[in-house]
Amino acid sequence: MITPCPAITPEDVAVPWTLPFRPSRRSLLAGAAGAAGAALLTGCSGGSSPEEEAGISLERRMREAAVRDSERLLERYDATRAAHPALAERLAPLRAAVAAHAAALSPTAAGSPTPSPAAPSGAVEAAAPTASAEPVPPKPAEALTALAAAERKLSETRISDLDGAPGELARLLASVAACGAVHAHLLTSNPGAAS
């Protein structure tokens, strides 16, 4: 046999009424101060946003590094031309393009780079070449191959830099990388193709 449930009266279920929890003004102010402190510790500073500051300095650092790379490549061109004067005419337009790249990539470039003028056909610049990191191979064909390898390596570096570059700089790096790949091809093709 089933026994019926005993009747429950409101007095049996009554829970004493208490005030809901209300934080004090002091705890609210302490929480707000803690949140403000956390925001400051995450990198907020000055009057501009962290994204703006990081974007400007990142682009400047990337441009400065790209200019240094172009200047090292110019040194290689100069060393190769000094070691093999017969290659001066063939290398002159490529060297001028690399100089224009350095000017365009400069952080101070105002949109219209001023490339160094190309040497006239057959002329060798009077300036003494700077010491290159790697010696120029003794044979002209090997020197061209080494210069092409330097162009190809720099082109690959510029392509890998595209990932973190801001929009306009990324487009410029892509263009300069493509030009470097063409230079590498021209340096290893027959002499008539490079003129």
C-alpha atoms as a PDB file:
ATOM      1  CA  MET A   1       0.000   0.000   0.000  1.00  0.00           C
ATOM      2  CA  ILE A   2       1.145   3.435  -0.868  1.00  0.00           C
ATOM      3  CA  THR A   3       1.182   6.017   1.746  1.00  0.00           C
ATOM      4  CA  PRO A   4       0.068   9.463   0.759  1.00  0.00           C
ATOM      5  CA  CYS A   5       2.474  12.360   1.030  1.00  0.00           C
ATOM      6  CA  PRO A   6       1.996  14.391   4.067  1.00  0.00           C
ATOM      7  CA  ALA A   7       0.540  17.766   3.421  1.00  0.00           C
ATOM      8  CA  ILE A   8       3.100  20.546   3.261  1.00  0.00           C
ATOM      9  CA  THR A   9       2.065  23.833   4.623  1.00  0.00           C
ATOM     10  CA  PRO A  10       3.605  27.212   3.780  1.00  0.00           C
ATOM     11  CA  GLU A  11       5.169  27.369   7.208  1.00  0.00           C
ATOM     12  CA  ASP A  12       7.101  24.141   6.473  1.00  0.00           C
ATOM     13  CA  VAL A  13       8.676  25.642   3.341  1.00  0.00           C
ATOM     14  CA  ALA A  14       9.203  29.160   4.507  1.00  0.00           C
ATOM     15  CA  VAL A  15      12.759  30.406   4.190  1.00  0.00           C
ATOM     16  CA  PRO A  16      13.659  33.426   6.178  1.00  0.00           C
ATOM     17  CA  TRP A  17      13.825  36.440   3.880  1.00  0.00           C
ATOM     18  CA  THR A  18      17.244  38.154   3.604  1.00  0.00           C
ATOM     19  CA  LEU A  19      18.456  41.130   1.665  1.00  0.00           C
ATOM     20  CA  PRO A  20      20.206  40.272  -1.587  1.00  0.00           C
ATOM     21  CA  PHE A  21      23.988  40.815  -1.680  1.00  0.00           C
ATOM     22  CA  ARG A  22      24.905  44.359  -2.671  1.00  0.00           C
ATOM     23  CA  PRO A  23      28.549  45.253  -3.121  1.00  0.00           C
ATOM     24  CA  SER A  24      29.744  48.265  -1.247  1.00  0.00           C
ATOM     25  CA  ARG A  25      30.820  51.430  -2.990  1.00  0.00           C
ATOM     26  CA  ARG A  26      34.376  50.753  -1.897  1.00  0.00           C
ATOM     27  CA  SER A  27      34.441  47.314  -3.592  1.00  0.00           C
ATOM     28  CA  LEU A  28      32.957  48.773  -6.798  1.00  0.00           C
ATOM     29  CA  LEU A  29      35.608  51.506  -6.894  1.00  0.00           C
ATOM     30  CA  ALA A  30      38.375  48.993  -6.218  1.00  0.00           C
ATOM     31  CA  GLY A  31      37.117  46.792  -9.081  1.00  0.00           C
ATOM     32  CA  ALA A  32      36.988  49.745 -11.470  1.00  0.00           C
ATOM     33  CA  ALA A  33      40.520  50.772 -10.487  1.00  0.00           C
ATOM     34  CA  GLY A  34      41.728  47.207 -11.050  1.00  0.00           C
ATOM     35  CA  ALA A  35      40.157  47.085 -14.530  1.00  0.00           C
ATOM     36  CA  ALA A  36      41.756  50.426 -15.439  1.00  0.00           C
ATOM     37  CA  GLY A  37      45.128  49.204 -14.192  1.00  0.00           C
ATOM     38  CA  ALA A  38      44.828  46.016 -16.252  1.00  0.00           C
ATOM     39  CA  ALA A  39      44.088  48.084 -19.360  1.00  0.00           C
ATOM     40  CA  LEU A  40      47.209  50.145 -18.749  1.00  0.00           C
ATOM     41  CA  LEU A  41      49.339  47.056 -18.274  1.00  0.00           C
ATOM     42  CA  THR A  42      48.203  45.615 -21.622  1.00  0.00           C
ATOM     43  CA  GLY A  43      50.014  48.336 -23.519  1.00  0.00           C
ATOM     44  CA  CYS A  44      47.802  51.377 -23.759  1.00  0.00           C
ATOM     45  CA  SER A  45      49.918  54.506 -23.701  1.00  0.00           C
ATOM     46  CA  GLY A  46      49.949  58.127 -24.697  1.00  0.00           C
ATOM     47  CA  GLY A  47      47.260  59.646 -26.870  1.00  0.00           C
ATOM     48  CA  SER A  48      47.381  57.208 -29.805  1.00  0.00           C
ATOM     49  CA  SER A  49      46.315  53.604 -30.010  1.00  0.00           C
ATOM     50  CA  PRO A  50      48.910  50.828 -29.742  1.00  0.00           C
ATOM     51  CA  GLU A  51      47.991  49.623 -33.242  1.00  0.00           C
ATOM     52  CA  GLU A  52      48.899  52.993 -34.739  1.00  0.00           C
ATOM     53  CA  GLU A  53      52.205  53.192 -32.876  1.00  0.00           C
ATOM     54  CA  ALA A  54      53.151  49.608 -33.738  1.00  0.00           C
ATOM     55  CA  GLY A  55      52.141  50.055 -37.390  1.00  0.00           C
ATOM     56  CA  ILE A  56      54.272  53.142 -37.870  1.00  0.00           C
ATOM     57  CA  SER A  57      57.346  51.754 -36.171  1.00  0.00           C
ATOM     58  CA  LEU A  58      56.937  48.362 -37.853  1.00  0.00           C
ATOM     59  CA  GLU A  59      56.767  49.951 -41.299  1.00  0.00           C
ATOM     60  CA  ARG A  60      59.764  52.148 -40.570  1.00  0.00           C
ATOM     61  CA  ARG A  61      61.817  49.187 -39.319  1.00  0.00           C
ATOM     62  CA  MET A  62      60.826  47.124 -42.348  1.00  0.00           C
ATOM     63  CA  ARG A  63      61.726  49.963 -44.723  1.00  0.00           C
ATOM     64  CA  GLU A  64      65.102  50.520 -43.053  1.00  0.00           C
ATOM     65  CA  ALA A  65      65.933  46.811 -43.278  1.00  0.00           C
ATOM     66  CA  ALA A  66      64.885  46.713 -46.945  1.00  0.00           C
ATOM     67  CA  VAL A  67      67.086  49.716 -47.730  1.00  0.00           C
ATOM     68  CA  ARG A  68      70.068  48.071 -45.980  1.00  0.00           C
ATOM     69  CA  ASP A  69      69.499  44.919 -48.055  1.00  0.00           C
ATOM     70  CA  SER A  70      69.377  46.970 -51.260  1.00  0.00           C
ATOM     71  CA  GLU A  71      72.548  48.827 -50.291  1.00  0.00           C
ATOM     72  CA  ARG A  72      74.371  45.527 -49.709  1.00  0.00           C
ATOM     73  CA  LEU A  73      73.223  44.386 -53.155  1.00  0.00           C
ATOM     74  CA  LEU A  74      74.505  47.655 -54.648  1.00  0.00           C
ATOM     75  CA  GLU A  75      77.874  46.954 -53.030  1.00  0.00           C
ATOM     76  CA  ARG A  76      77.906  43.548 -54.730  1.00  0.00           C
ATOM     77  CA  TYR A  77      77.141  45.158 -58.087  1.00  0.00           C
ATOM     78  CA  ASP A  78      79.939  47.696 -57.573  1.00  0.00           C
ATOM     79  CA  ALA A  79      82.433  45.024 -56.531  1.00  0.00           C
ATOM     80  CA  THR A  80      81.497  42.871 -59.537  1.00  0.00           C
ATOM     81  CA  ARG A  81      81.850  45.821 -61.931  1.00  0.00           C
ATOM     82  CA  ALA A  82      85.233  46.707 -60.422  1.00  0.00           C
ATOM     83  CA  ALA A  83      86.485  43.117 -60.693  1.00  0.00           C
ATOM     84  CA  HIS A  84      85.134  42.660 -64.235  1.00  0.00           C
ATOM     85  CA  PRO A  85      85.061  46.009 -66.104  1.00  0.00           C
ATOM     86  CA  ALA A  86      83.845  44.247 -69.258  1.00  0.00           C
ATOM     87  CA  LEU A  87      80.517  43.585 -67.445  1.00  0.00           C
ATOM     88  CA  ALA A  88      79.943  47.264 -66.559  1.00  0.00           C
ATOM     89  CA  GLU A  89      77.629  47.982 -69.492  1.00  0.00           C
ATOM     90  CA  ARG A  90      75.551  44.876 -68.856  1.00  0.00           C
ATOM     91  CA  LEU A  91      75.239  45.578 -65.115  1.00  0.00           C
ATOM     92  CA  ALA A  92      74.549  49.339 -65.364  1.00  0.00           C
ATOM     93  CA  PRO A  93      70.744  49.179 -65.910  1.00  0.00           C
ATOM     94  CA  LEU A  94      70.289  46.489 -63.255  1.00  0.00           C
ATOM     95  CA  ARG A  95      72.351  48.427 -60.734  1.00  0.00           C
ATOM     96  CA  ALA A  96      70.346  51.575 -61.497  1.00  0.00           C
ATOM     97  CA  ALA A  97      67.128  49.654 -60.810  1.00  0.00           C
ATOM     98  CA  VAL A  98      68.468  48.423 -57.464  1.00  0.00           C
ATOM     99  CA  ALA A  99      69.413  52.020 -56.555  1.00  0.00           C
ATOM    100  CA  ALA A 100      65.870  53.111 -57.469  1.00  0.00           C
ATOM    101  CA  HIS A 101      64.487  50.341 -55.230  1.00  0.00           C
ATOM    102  CA  ALA A 102      66.582  51.587 -52.303  1.00  0.00           C
ATOM    103  CA  ALA A 103      65.301  55.125 -52.859  1.00  0.00           C
ATOM    104  CA  ALA A 104      61.665  53.972 -53.124  1.00  0.00           C
ATOM    105  CA  LEU A 105      61.930  51.855 -49.974  1.00  0.00           C
ATOM    106  CA  SER A 106      63.523  54.626 -47.920  1.00  0.00           C
ATOM    107  CA  PRO A 107      61.454  55.649 -44.876  1.00  0.00           C
ATOM    108  CA  THR A 108      61.887  59.271 -45.955  1.00  0.00           C
ATOM    109  CA  ALA A 109      60.664  58.650 -49.519  1.00  0.00           C
ATOM    110  CA  ALA A 110      57.832  61.069 -50.213  1.00  0.00           C
ATOM    111  CA  GLY A 111      56.220  59.046 -52.963  1.00  0.00           C
ATOM    112  CA  SER A 112      58.568  60.116 -55.744  1.00  0.00           C
ATOM    113  CA  PRO A 113      61.935  58.428 -55.301  1.00  0.00           C
ATOM    114  CA  THR A 114      64.993  59.987 -56.840  1.00  0.00           C
ATOM    115  CA  PRO A 115      67.057  57.099 -58.156  1.00  0.00           C
ATOM    116  CA  SER A 116      70.711  57.557 -58.843  1.00  0.00           C
ATOM    117  CA  PRO A 117      71.308  58.093 -62.535  1.00  0.00           C
ATOM    118  CA  ALA A 118      72.444  55.126 -64.557  1.00  0.00           C
ATOM    119  CA  ALA A 119      75.958  55.216 -65.864  1.00  0.00           C
ATOM    120  CA  PRO A 120      76.248  55.811 -69.615  1.00  0.00           C
ATOM    121  CA  SER A 121      76.739  52.743 -71.772  1.00  0.00           C
ATOM    122  CA  GLY A 122      80.186  51.284 -71.299  1.00  0.00           C
ATOM    123  CA  ALA A 123      81.167  53.768 -68.598  1.00  0.00           C
ATOM    124  CA  VAL A 124      82.343  52.733 -65.166  1.00  0.00           C
ATOM    125  CA  GLU A 125      81.611  55.093 -62.285  1.00  0.00           C
ATOM    126  CA  ALA A 126      84.652  56.789 -60.829  1.00  0.00           C
ATOM    127  CA  ALA A 127      83.696  55.964 -57.240  1.00  0.00           C
ATOM    128  CA  ALA A 128      85.717  53.195 -55.687  1.00  0.00           C
ATOM    129  CA  PRO A 129      83.651  50.121 -54.835  1.00  0.00           C
ATOM    130  CA  THR A 130      83.040  49.325 -51.217  1.00  0.00           C
ATOM    131  CA  ALA A 131      84.193  46.042 -49.780  1.00  0.00           C
ATOM    132  CA  SER A 132      81.620  43.317 -50.343  1.00  0.00           C
ATOM    133  CA  ALA A 133      80.846  40.630 -47.790  1.00  0.00           C
ATOM    134  CA  GLU A 134      81.704  37.920 -50.300  1.00  0.00           C
ATOM    135  CA  PRO A 135      84.589  37.992 -52.765  1.00  0.00           C
ATOM    136  CA  VAL A 136      83.774  38.290 -56.456  1.00  0.00           C
ATOM    137  CA  PRO A 137      84.500  35.082 -58.377  1.00  0.00           C
ATOM    138  CA  PRO A 138      87.450  35.396 -60.786  1.00  0.00           C
ATOM    139  CA  LYS A 139      85.554  34.349 -63.938  1.00  0.00           C
ATOM    140  CA  PRO A 140      82.907  36.723 -65.361  1.00  0.00           C
ATOM    141  CA  ALA A 141      80.299  33.961 -65.807  1.00  0.00           C
ATOM    142  CA  GLU A 142      80.751  32.855 -62.194  1.00  0.00           C
ATOM    143  CA  ALA A 143      80.557  36.472 -61.029  1.00  0.00           C
ATOM    144  CA  LEU A 144      77.234  36.886 -62.852  1.00  0.00           C
ATOM    145  CA  THR A 145      75.946  33.649 -61.326  1.00  0.00           C
ATOM    146  CA  ALA A 146      76.932  34.830 -57.833  1.00  0.00           C
ATOM    147  CA  LEU A 147      75.228  38.184 -58.426  1.00  0.00           C
ATOM    148  CA  ALA A 148      72.112  36.389 -59.698  1.00  0.00           C
ATOM    149  CA  ALA A 149      72.100  34.238 -56.552  1.00  0.00           C
ATOM    150  CA  ALA A 150      72.255  37.399 -54.407  1.00  0.00           C
ATOM    151  CA  GLU A 151      69.339  38.912 -56.366  1.00  0.00           C
ATOM    152  CA  ARG A 152      67.324  35.692 -56.013  1.00  0.00           C
ATOM    153  CA  LYS A 153      68.001  35.450 -52.276  1.00  0.00           C
ATOM    154  CA  LEU A 154      66.975  39.071 -51.698  1.00  0.00           C
ATOM    155  CA  SER A 155      63.846  38.529 -53.802  1.00  0.00           C
ATOM    156  CA  GLU A 156      62.893  35.553 -51.618  1.00  0.00           C
ATOM    157  CA  THR A 157      63.543  37.602 -48.466  1.00  0.00           C
ATOM    158  CA  ARG A 158      61.256  40.354 -49.711  1.00  0.00           C
ATOM    159  CA  ILE A 159      58.519  37.814 -50.478  1.00  0.00           C
ATOM    160  CA  SER A 160      58.751  36.388 -46.956  1.00  0.00           C
ATOM    161  CA  ASP A 161      58.518  39.946 -45.556  1.00  0.00           C
ATOM    162  CA  LEU A 162      55.160  40.468 -47.282  1.00  0.00           C
ATOM    163  CA  ASP A 163      53.306  38.645 -44.503  1.00  0.00           C
ATOM    164  CA  GLY A 164      53.818  41.317 -41.857  1.00  0.00           C
ATOM    165  CA  ALA A 165      54.084  44.398 -44.080  1.00  0.00           C
ATOM    166  CA  PRO A 166      51.448  47.158 -44.083  1.00  0.00           C
ATOM    167  CA  GLY A 167      49.433  47.479 -47.326  1.00  0.00           C
ATOM    168  CA  GLU A 168      51.382  50.031 -49.374  1.00  0.00           C
ATOM    169  CA  LEU A 169      54.762  48.665 -48.275  1.00  0.00           C
ATOM    170  CA  ALA A 170      53.623  45.110 -49.082  1.00  0.00           C
ATOM    171  CA  ARG A 171      52.750  46.168 -52.642  1.00  0.00           C
ATOM    172  CA  LEU A 172      56.131  47.869 -53.018  1.00  0.00           C
ATOM    173  CA  LEU A 173      58.007  44.856 -51.639  1.00  0.00           C
ATOM    174  CA  ALA A 174      56.127  42.535 -54.013  1.00  0.00           C
ATOM    175  CA  SER A 175      57.040  44.722 -56.974  1.00  0.00           C
ATOM    176  CA  VAL A 176      60.700  44.942 -55.950  1.00  0.00           C
ATOM    177  CA  ALA A 177      60.828  41.169 -55.350  1.00  0.00           C
ATOM    178  CA  ALA A 178      59.460  40.517 -58.832  1.00  0.00           C
ATOM    179  CA  CYS A 179      62.029  42.881 -60.310  1.00  0.00           C
ATOM    180  CA  GLY A 180      64.798  41.074 -58.417  1.00  0.00           C
ATOM    181  CA  ALA A 181      63.645  37.742 -59.843  1.00  0.00           C
ATOM    182  CA  VAL A 182      63.817  39.247 -63.344  1.00  0.00           C
ATOM    183  CA  HIS A 183      67.323  40.552 -62.594  1.00  0.00           C
ATOM    184  CA  ALA A 184      68.405  37.063 -61.560  1.00  0.00           C
ATOM    185  CA  HIS A 185      67.112  35.697 -64.871  1.00  0.00           C
ATOM    186  CA  LEU A 186      68.794  38.448 -66.898  1.00  0.00           C
ATOM    187  CA  LEU A 187      72.105  37.936 -65.118  1.00  0.00           C
ATOM    188  CA  THR A 188      72.216  34.262 -66.060  1.00  0.00           C
ATOM    189  CA  SER A 189      70.791  34.583 -69.597  1.00  0.00           C
ATOM    190  CA  ASN A 190      72.794  35.449 -72.687  1.00  0.00           C
ATOM    191  CA  PRO A 191      74.330  38.955 -72.750  1.00  0.00           C
ATOM    192  CA  GLY A 192      72.011  40.275 -75.494  1.00  0.00           C
ATOM    193  CA  ALA A 193      68.917  39.676 -73.308  1.00  0.00           C
ATOM    194  CA  ALA A 194      70.128  42.054 -70.591  1.00  0.00           C
ATOM    195  CA  SER A 195      70.725  45.100 -72.732  1.00  0.00           C
END
